[in-house]
Amino acid sequence: MADPTALEPTEIRIALLRDIAAGRVQDDTDHMPMLTVDGEPVPVGTAVWEMERHDWVGQDCGQQRWEPKPYGRQLLAEADR
């Protein structure tokens, strides 16, 4: 794992992190993270995998849903202040 603080918490990353926390990012049948926008799937794999490498998000084994990990939850709490 890379250092969580090495990835800059940009507005776009925080917005995607909020979508992940809301359950709007799930893997499709090809294991590609997809964000549902207006009922349509949008691929967000590169960004999600980058967040995963920095320990912001993760998946439980066998689950298709992504969730914030402790550092990701901390970033969301700080952004909401």
C-alpha atoms as a PDB file:
ATOM      1  CA  MET A   1       0.000   0.000   0.000  1.00  0.00           C
ATOM      2  CA  ALA A   2       1.095   3.495  -0.785  1.00  0.00           C
ATOM      3  CA  ASP A   3       1.038   6.234   1.846  1.00  0.00           C
ATOM      4  CA  PRO A   4      -2.595   7.480   2.069  1.00  0.00           C
ATOM      5  CA  THR A   5      -1.424  11.074   2.452  1.00  0.00           C
ATOM      6  CA  ALA A   6       0.598  10.883  -0.788  1.00  0.00           C
ATOM      7  CA  LEU A   7      -2.595  11.142  -2.854  1.00  0.00           C
ATOM      8  CA  GLU A   8      -3.963  14.688  -2.992  1.00  0.00           C
ATOM      9  CA  PRO A   9      -7.605  14.965  -1.832  1.00  0.00           C
ATOM     10  CA  THR A  10      -8.844  17.009  -4.795  1.00  0.00           C
ATOM     11  CA  GLU A  11     -12.480  18.078  -5.127  1.00  0.00           C
ATOM     12  CA  ILE A  12     -13.040  15.389  -7.786  1.00  0.00           C
ATOM     13  CA  ARG A  13     -11.569  12.632  -5.614  1.00  0.00           C
ATOM     14  CA  ILE A  14     -13.653  13.732  -2.624  1.00  0.00           C
ATOM     15  CA  ALA A  15     -16.783  13.778  -4.827  1.00  0.00           C
ATOM     16  CA  LEU A  16     -16.040  10.225  -6.000  1.00  0.00           C
ATOM     17  CA  LEU A  17     -15.346   9.204  -2.403  1.00  0.00           C
ATOM     18  CA  ARG A  18     -18.807  10.555  -1.484  1.00  0.00           C
ATOM     19  CA  ASP A  19     -20.327   8.493  -4.306  1.00  0.00           C
ATOM     20  CA  ILE A  20     -18.500   5.426  -3.027  1.00  0.00           C
ATOM     21  CA  ALA A  21     -19.778   6.050   0.514  1.00  0.00           C
ATOM     22  CA  ALA A  22     -23.321   6.410  -0.863  1.00  0.00           C
ATOM     23  CA  GLY A  23     -23.057   3.008  -2.560  1.00  0.00           C
ATOM     24  CA  ARG A  24     -23.112   4.369  -6.113  1.00  0.00           C
ATOM     25  CA  VAL A  25     -19.854   2.644  -7.154  1.00  0.00           C
ATOM     26  CA  GLN A  26     -19.973  -1.078  -7.778  1.00  0.00           C
ATOM     27  CA  ASP A  27     -18.087  -3.557  -9.936  1.00  0.00           C
ATOM     28  CA  ASP A  28     -19.737  -4.721 -13.128  1.00  0.00           C
ATOM     29  CA  THR A  29     -19.491  -8.314 -14.357  1.00  0.00           C
ATOM     30  CA  ASP A  30     -15.945  -7.649 -15.669  1.00  0.00           C
ATOM     31  CA  HIS A  31     -14.799  -6.320 -12.243  1.00  0.00           C
ATOM     32  CA  MET A  32     -14.680  -2.733 -13.500  1.00  0.00           C
ATOM     33  CA  PRO A  33     -15.729  -0.111 -10.922  1.00  0.00           C
ATOM     34  CA  MET A  34     -18.736   1.737 -12.317  1.00  0.00           C
ATOM     35  CA  LEU A  35     -20.446   4.875 -10.995  1.00  0.00           C
ATOM     36  CA  THR A  36     -24.161   5.112 -11.675  1.00  0.00           C
ATOM     37  CA  VAL A  37     -25.032   8.573 -12.995  1.00  0.00           C
ATOM     38  CA  ASP A  38     -28.640   9.260 -13.999  1.00  0.00           C
ATOM     39  CA  GLY A  39     -29.222   5.518 -14.213  1.00  0.00           C
ATOM     40  CA  GLU A  40     -26.276   4.937 -16.535  1.00  0.00           C
ATOM     41  CA  PRO A  41     -22.995   3.214 -15.598  1.00  0.00           C
ATOM     42  CA  VAL A  42     -19.818   5.293 -15.985  1.00  0.00           C
ATOM     43  CA  PRO A  43     -16.403   3.582 -15.684  1.00  0.00           C
ATOM     44  CA  VAL A  44     -14.299   4.978 -12.830  1.00  0.00           C
ATOM     45  CA  GLY A  45     -11.784   2.150 -12.482  1.00  0.00           C
ATOM     46  CA  THR A  46      -8.567   4.134 -12.715  1.00  0.00           C
ATOM     47  CA  ALA A  47      -9.604   6.586  -9.998  1.00  0.00           C
ATOM     48  CA  VAL A  48     -11.026   3.896  -7.700  1.00  0.00           C
ATOM     49  CA  TRP A  49      -7.965   1.665  -8.054  1.00  0.00           C
ATOM     50  CA  GLU A  50      -5.724   4.662  -7.312  1.00  0.00           C
ATOM     51  CA  MET A  51      -7.725   5.295  -4.133  1.00  0.00           C
ATOM     52  CA  GLU A  52      -7.477   1.604  -3.266  1.00  0.00           C
ATOM     53  CA  ARG A  53      -3.672   1.636  -3.663  1.00  0.00           C
ATOM     54  CA  HIS A  54      -3.554   4.551  -1.211  1.00  0.00           C
ATOM     55  CA  ASP A  55      -5.894   2.791   1.241  1.00  0.00           C
ATOM     56  CA  TRP A  56      -8.762   5.269   0.890  1.00  0.00           C
ATOM     57  CA  VAL A  57     -11.270   2.614  -0.265  1.00  0.00           C
ATOM     58  CA  GLY A  58     -11.585  -1.141  -0.408  1.00  0.00           C
ATOM     59  CA  GLN A  59     -13.854  -4.089  -1.003  1.00  0.00           C
ATOM     60  CA  ASP A  60     -14.694  -7.040   1.169  1.00  0.00           C
ATOM     61  CA  CYS A  61     -13.744 -10.280  -0.528  1.00  0.00           C
ATOM     62  CA  GLY A  62     -16.549 -11.437  -2.794  1.00  0.00           C
ATOM     63  CA  GLN A  63     -18.419  -8.123  -2.676  1.00  0.00           C
ATOM     64  CA  GLN A  64     -18.971  -5.910  -5.697  1.00  0.00           C
ATOM     65  CA  ARG A  65     -19.492  -2.745  -3.670  1.00  0.00           C
ATOM     66  CA  TRP A  66     -16.655  -0.355  -2.812  1.00  0.00           C
ATOM     67  CA  GLU A  67     -16.534   1.335   0.598  1.00  0.00           C
ATOM     68  CA  PRO A  68     -14.375   4.024   2.223  1.00  0.00           C
ATOM     69  CA  LYS A  69     -11.720   2.747   4.596  1.00  0.00           C
ATOM     70  CA  PRO A  70     -10.784   4.664   7.773  1.00  0.00           C
ATOM     71  CA  TYR A  71      -8.604   7.234   5.990  1.00  0.00           C
ATOM     72  CA  GLY A  72     -11.292   7.771   3.342  1.00  0.00           C
ATOM     73  CA  ARG A  73     -13.910   8.306   6.056  1.00  0.00           C
ATOM     74  CA  GLN A  74     -11.555  10.787   7.744  1.00  0.00           C
ATOM     75  CA  LEU A  75     -11.203  12.745   4.484  1.00  0.00           C
ATOM     76  CA  LEU A  76     -14.996  12.868   4.093  1.00  0.00           C
ATOM     77  CA  ALA A  77     -15.430  14.097   7.658  1.00  0.00           C
ATOM     78  CA  GLU A  78     -12.816  16.820   7.116  1.00  0.00           C
ATOM     79  CA  ALA A  79     -14.423  17.875   3.819  1.00  0.00           C
ATOM     80  CA  ASP A  80     -17.816  18.215   5.526  1.00  0.00           C
ATOM     81  CA  ARG A  81     -16.517  20.629   8.182  1.00  0.00           C
END
